[in-house]
Amino acid sequence: MLSEAPPFPNLITYLWIWFWEIHNGCGSNGWGPAEITWRDLSAWSELTGNFLEPWECAALMQLSASYVRIRSAKKPGAT
C-alpha cells in the first residue's frame, strides 16, 4: 500500500506539480483521461514561460502514459 511506498524525491516535486498543471488541461478522450501530447507540453511551456529540458519532457510523457494506463485498467470485479 501507500505506506510501503518509498519517500517522494523532493528534487522533482516541481515535475509532479507541472504534470498536474498540464494534465488538467488535457481533458478526456471520451473513455478516460487523455495522455499529454508533445503539443500540450509545447503550449504549456510557451504559456507559462517554463522551459522544459528534454529529460523533463520525457519524464512528463512517461508520467502521463503511466497515469492513463493505471486509470484505464479494468478494476477487479468490474464488468
Foldseek 3Di string as FASTA:
>chain_A
DVVPDDDDDPVCVVLVVVLCVLQVVQQPPVQGGDARDPVSVVVVCVVVVPDDDPVSVVVSNVVRVVVRCVRNDDDPPDD
